[in-house]
PDB file of N, CA and C in Angstrom:
ATOM      1  N   MET A   1      44.186   7.448  -0.856  1.00  0.00           N
ATOM      2  CA  MET A   1      43.879   8.743  -1.434  1.00  0.00           C
ATOM      3  C   MET A   1      42.548   8.703  -2.196  1.00  0.00           C
ATOM      4  N   LEU A   2      42.332   7.647  -2.950  1.00  0.00           N
ATOM      5  CA  LEU A   2      41.095   7.526  -3.709  1.00  0.00           C
ATOM      6  C   LEU A   2      39.890   7.420  -2.770  1.00  0.00           C
ATOM      7  N   GLY A   3      40.072   6.705  -1.663  1.00  0.00           N
ATOM      8  CA  GLY A   3      38.980   6.564  -0.700  1.00  0.00           C
ATOM      9  C   GLY A   3      38.582   7.899  -0.100  1.00  0.00           C
ATOM     10  N   GLY A   4      39.562   8.752   0.172  1.00  0.00           N
ATOM     11  CA  GLY A   4      39.280  10.073   0.719  1.00  0.00           C
ATOM     12  C   GLY A   4      38.519  10.944  -0.268  1.00  0.00           C
ATOM     13  N   VAL A   5      38.901  10.878  -1.530  1.00  0.00           N
ATOM     14  CA  VAL A   5      38.218  11.656  -2.563  1.00  0.00           C
ATOM     15  C   VAL A   5      36.784  11.164  -2.715  1.00  0.00           C
ATOM     16  N   LEU A   6      36.593   9.854  -2.736  1.00  0.00           N
ATOM     17  CA  LEU A   6      35.239   9.309  -2.851  1.00  0.00           C
ATOM     18  C   LEU A   6      34.380   9.688  -1.650  1.00  0.00           C
ATOM     19  N   LEU A   7      34.963   9.694  -0.477  1.00  0.00           N
ATOM     20  CA  LEU A   7      34.231  10.071   0.733  1.00  0.00           C
ATOM     21  C   LEU A   7      33.799  11.533   0.672  1.00  0.00           C
ATOM     22  N   VAL A   8      34.691  12.410   0.224  1.00  0.00           N
ATOM     23  CA  VAL A   8      34.352  13.828   0.114  1.00  0.00           C
ATOM     24  C   VAL A   8      33.246  14.027  -0.921  1.00  0.00           C
ATOM     25  N   ILE A   9      33.338  13.354  -2.054  1.00  0.00           N
ATOM     26  CA  ILE A   9      32.296  13.466  -3.083  1.00  0.00           C
ATOM     27  C   ILE A   9      30.963  12.975  -2.543  1.00  0.00           C
ATOM     28  N   PHE A  10      30.980  11.864  -1.817  1.00  0.00           N
ATOM     29  CA  PHE A  10      29.746  11.324  -1.234  1.00  0.00           C
ATOM     30  C   PHE A  10      29.150  12.294  -0.219  1.00  0.00           C
ATOM     31  N   LEU A  11      29.975  12.857   0.640  1.00  0.00           N
ATOM     32  CA  LEU A  11      29.472  13.766   1.666  1.00  0.00           C
ATOM     33  C   LEU A  11      28.943  15.064   1.065  1.00  0.00           C
ATOM     34  N   LEU A  12      29.510  15.504  -0.041  1.00  0.00           N
ATOM     35  CA  LEU A  12      29.014  16.720  -0.683  1.00  0.00           C
ATOM     36  C   LEU A  12      27.726  16.479  -1.464  1.00  0.00           C
ATOM     37  N   SER A  13      27.551  15.283  -2.003  1.00  0.00           N
ATOM     38  CA  SER A  13      26.362  15.006  -2.797  1.00  0.00           C
ATOM     39  C   SER A  13      25.204  14.472  -1.956  1.00  0.00           C
ATOM     40  N   PHE A  14      25.459  14.012  -0.743  1.00  0.00           N
ATOM     41  CA  PHE A  14      24.420  13.427   0.095  1.00  0.00           C
ATOM     42  C   PHE A  14      23.263  14.387   0.365  1.00  0.00           C
ATOM     43  N   PRO A  15      23.498  15.650   0.759  1.00  0.00           N
ATOM     44  CA  PRO A  15      22.353  16.554   0.993  1.00  0.00           C
ATOM     45  C   PRO A  15      21.524  16.803  -0.267  1.00  0.00           C
ATOM     46  N   LEU A  16      22.168  16.849  -1.415  1.00  0.00           N
ATOM     47  CA  LEU A  16      21.447  17.045  -2.664  1.00  0.00           C
ATOM     48  C   LEU A  16      20.548  15.856  -2.967  1.00  0.00           C
ATOM     49  N   VAL A  17      21.055  14.655  -2.768  1.00  0.00           N
ATOM     50  CA  VAL A  17      20.267  13.443  -3.025  1.00  0.00           C
ATOM     51  C   VAL A  17      19.081  13.369  -2.068  1.00  0.00           C
ATOM     52  N   ILE A  18      19.301  13.675  -0.810  1.00  0.00           N
ATOM     53  CA  ILE A  18      18.216  13.653   0.177  1.00  0.00           C
ATOM     54  C   ILE A  18      17.181  14.719  -0.152  1.00  0.00           C
ATOM     55  N   GLY A  19      17.623  15.913  -0.525  1.00  0.00           N
ATOM     56  CA  GLY A  19      16.700  16.988  -0.872  1.00  0.00           C
ATOM     57  C   GLY A  19      15.843  16.652  -2.068  1.00  0.00           C
ATOM     58  N   LEU A  20      16.434  16.101  -3.109  1.00  0.00           N
ATOM     59  CA  LEU A  20      15.664  15.741  -4.299  1.00  0.00           C
ATOM     60  C   LEU A  20      14.729  14.570  -4.013  1.00  0.00           C
ATOM     61  N   GLY A  21      15.152  13.669  -3.155  1.00  0.00           N
ATOM     62  CA  GLY A  21      14.291  12.539  -2.791  1.00  0.00           C
ATOM     63  C   GLY A  21      13.035  12.997  -2.070  1.00  0.00           C
ATOM     64  N   THR A  22      13.181  13.965  -1.177  1.00  0.00           N
ATOM     65  CA  THR A  22      12.010  14.451  -0.457  1.00  0.00           C
ATOM     66  C   THR A  22      11.093  15.251  -1.376  1.00  0.00           C
ATOM     67  N   VAL A  23      11.666  15.933  -2.368  1.00  0.00           N
ATOM     68  CA  VAL A  23      10.841  16.665  -3.332  1.00  0.00           C
ATOM     69  C   VAL A  23       9.992  15.689  -4.135  1.00  0.00           C
ATOM     70  N   VAL A  24      10.582  14.583  -4.536  1.00  0.00           N
ATOM     71  CA  VAL A  24       9.850  13.574  -5.300  1.00  0.00           C
ATOM     72  C   VAL A  24       8.730  12.971  -4.447  1.00  0.00           C
ATOM     73  N   LEU A  25       9.033  12.656  -3.196  1.00  0.00           N
ATOM     74  CA  LEU A  25       8.003  12.108  -2.312  1.00  0.00           C
ATOM     75  C   LEU A  25       6.874  13.111  -2.082  1.00  0.00           C
ATOM     76  N   ALA A  26       7.208  14.386  -1.923  1.00  0.00           N
ATOM     77  CA  ALA A  26       6.178  15.405  -1.724  1.00  0.00           C
ATOM     78  C   ALA A  26       5.299  15.543  -2.966  1.00  0.00           C
ATOM     79  N   ALA A  27       5.891  15.453  -4.149  1.00  0.00           N
ATOM     80  CA  ALA A  27       5.108  15.549  -5.387  1.00  0.00           C
ATOM     81  C   ALA A  27       4.166  14.366  -5.531  1.00  0.00           C
ATOM     82  N   ILE A  28       4.641  13.178  -5.205  1.00  0.00           N
ATOM     83  CA  ILE A  28       3.790  11.986  -5.291  1.00  0.00           C
ATOM     84  C   ILE A  28       2.641  12.069  -4.294  1.00  0.00           C
ATOM     85  N   LEU A  29       2.944  12.471  -3.074  1.00  0.00           N
ATOM     86  CA  LEU A  29       1.908  12.592  -2.051  1.00  0.00           C
ATOM     87  C   LEU A  29       0.897  13.672  -2.416  1.00  0.00           C
ATOM     88  N   GLY A  30       1.360  14.811  -2.894  1.00  0.00           N
ATOM     89  CA  GLY A  30       0.465  15.896  -3.277  1.00  0.00           C
ATOM     90  C   GLY A  30      -0.459  15.500  -4.411  1.00  0.00           C
ATOM     91  N   GLU A  31       0.074  14.828  -5.410  1.00  0.00           N
ATOM     92  CA  GLU A  31      -0.757  14.420  -6.548  1.00  0.00           C
ATOM     93  C   GLU A  31      -1.780  13.371  -6.129  1.00  0.00           C
ATOM     94  N   SER A  32      -1.384  12.428  -5.287  1.00  0.00           N
ATOM     95  CA  SER A  32      -2.334  11.397  -4.860  1.00  0.00           C
ATOM     96  C   SER A  32      -3.446  11.989  -3.992  1.00  0.00           C
ATOM     97  N   LEU A  33      -3.112  12.939  -3.137  1.00  0.00           N
ATOM     98  CA  LEU A  33      -4.147  13.583  -2.319  1.00  0.00           C
ATOM     99  C   LEU A  33      -5.069  14.457  -3.176  1.00  0.00           C
ATOM    100  N   HIS A  34      -4.521  15.094  -4.196  1.00  0.00           N
ATOM    101  CA  HIS A  34      -5.342  15.914  -5.094  1.00  0.00           C
ATOM    102  C   HIS A  34      -6.324  15.044  -5.870  1.00  0.00           C
ATOM    103  N   ARG A  35      -5.865  13.903  -6.355  1.00  0.00           N
ATOM    104  CA  ARG A  35      -6.762  12.983  -7.073  1.00  0.00           C
ATOM    105  C   ARG A  35      -7.850  12.442  -6.151  1.00  0.00           C
ATOM    106  N   ASP A  36      -7.478  12.129  -4.910  1.00  0.00           N
ATOM    107  CA  ASP A  36      -8.456  11.632  -3.943  1.00  0.00           C
ATOM    108  C   ASP A  36      -9.517  12.692  -3.665  1.00  0.00           C
ATOM    109  N   ALA A  37      -9.109  13.949  -3.545  1.00  0.00           N
ATOM    110  CA  ALA A  37     -10.063  15.029  -3.283  1.00  0.00           C
ATOM    111  C   ALA A  37     -11.015  15.209  -4.464  1.00  0.00           C
ATOM    112  N   ARG A  38     -10.506  15.093  -5.689  1.00  0.00           N
ATOM    113  CA  ARG A  38     -11.385  15.217  -6.860  1.00  0.00           C
ATOM    114  C   ARG A  38     -12.407  14.094  -6.903  1.00  0.00           C
ATOM    115  N   VAL A  39     -11.998  12.883  -6.549  1.00  0.00           N
ATOM    116  CA  VAL A  39     -12.924  11.743  -6.566  1.00  0.00           C
ATOM    117  C   VAL A  39     -13.974  11.893  -5.473  1.00  0.00           C
ATOM    118  N   ARG A  40     -13.568  12.318  -4.289  1.00  0.00           N
ATOM    119  CA  ARG A  40     -14.510  12.436  -3.177  1.00  0.00           C
ATOM    120  C   ARG A  40     -15.533  13.553  -3.396  1.00  0.00           C
ATOM    121  N   ASN A  41     -15.143  14.614  -4.076  1.00  0.00           N
ATOM    122  CA  ASN A  41     -16.026  15.779  -4.237  1.00  0.00           C
ATOM    123  C   ASN A  41     -16.563  15.884  -5.651  1.00  0.00           C
ATOM    124  N   GLU A  42     -16.673  14.778  -6.333  1.00  0.00           N
ATOM    125  CA  GLU A  42     -17.096  14.790  -7.724  1.00  0.00           C
ATOM    126  C   GLU A  42     -18.508  15.330  -7.907  1.00  0.00           C
ATOM    127  N   ALA A  43     -19.423  14.978  -7.030  1.00  0.00           N
ATOM    128  CA  ALA A  43     -20.826  15.381  -7.181  1.00  0.00           C
ATOM    129  C   ALA A  43     -21.192  16.581  -6.309  1.00  0.00           C
ATOM    130  N   SER A  44     -20.225  17.315  -5.856  1.00  0.00           N
ATOM    131  CA  SER A  44     -20.503  18.447  -4.972  1.00  0.00           C
ATOM    132  C   SER A  44     -20.974  19.656  -5.777  1.00  0.00           C
ATOM    133  N   GLU A  45     -22.002  20.327  -5.269  1.00  0.00           N
ATOM    134  CA  GLU A  45     -22.466  21.532  -5.956  1.00  0.00           C
ATOM    135  C   GLU A  45     -21.548  22.715  -5.696  1.00  0.00           C
ATOM    136  N   LEU A  46     -20.631  22.597  -4.755  1.00  0.00           N
ATOM    137  CA  LEU A  46     -19.681  23.671  -4.493  1.00  0.00           C
ATOM    138  C   LEU A  46     -18.667  23.814  -5.618  1.00  0.00           C
ATOM    139  N   LEU A  47     -18.491  22.778  -6.423  1.00  0.00           N
ATOM    140  CA  LEU A  47     -17.546  22.865  -7.531  1.00  0.00           C
ATOM    141  C   LEU A  47     -17.991  23.884  -8.568  1.00  0.00           C
ATOM    142  N   GLU A  48     -19.286  24.101  -8.699  1.00  0.00           N
ATOM    143  CA  GLU A  48     -19.793  25.088  -9.645  1.00  0.00           C
ATOM    144  C   GLU A  48     -19.426  26.501  -9.217  1.00  0.00           C
ATOM    145  N   LEU A  49     -19.270  26.730  -7.918  1.00  0.00           N
ATOM    146  CA  LEU A  49     -18.941  28.051  -7.407  1.00  0.00           C
ATOM    147  C   LEU A  49     -17.432  28.320  -7.454  1.00  0.00           C
ATOM    148  N   ASN A  50     -16.665  27.290  -7.634  1.00  0.00           N
ATOM    149  CA  ASN A  50     -15.205  27.427  -7.657  1.00  0.00           C
ATOM    150  C   ASN A  50     -14.760  28.058  -8.963  1.00  0.00           C
ATOM    151  N   ILE A  51     -14.013  29.137  -8.840  1.00  0.00           N
ATOM    152  CA  ILE A  51     -13.542  29.838 -10.044  1.00  0.00           C
ATOM    153  C   ILE A  51     -12.107  29.478 -10.322  1.00  0.00           C
TER     154      ILE A  51
END
């Protein structure tokens, strides 16, 4: 009986864990790409036109 309850809890929480994991990975990737873009375009004169 305990095994069945644990299995149901695991199956219900699995999509939530996967969803939050992908959100964390997307945030890390987005921040690293944003920092890379700032470093690459540091001396660009187009930054002055950016509002």
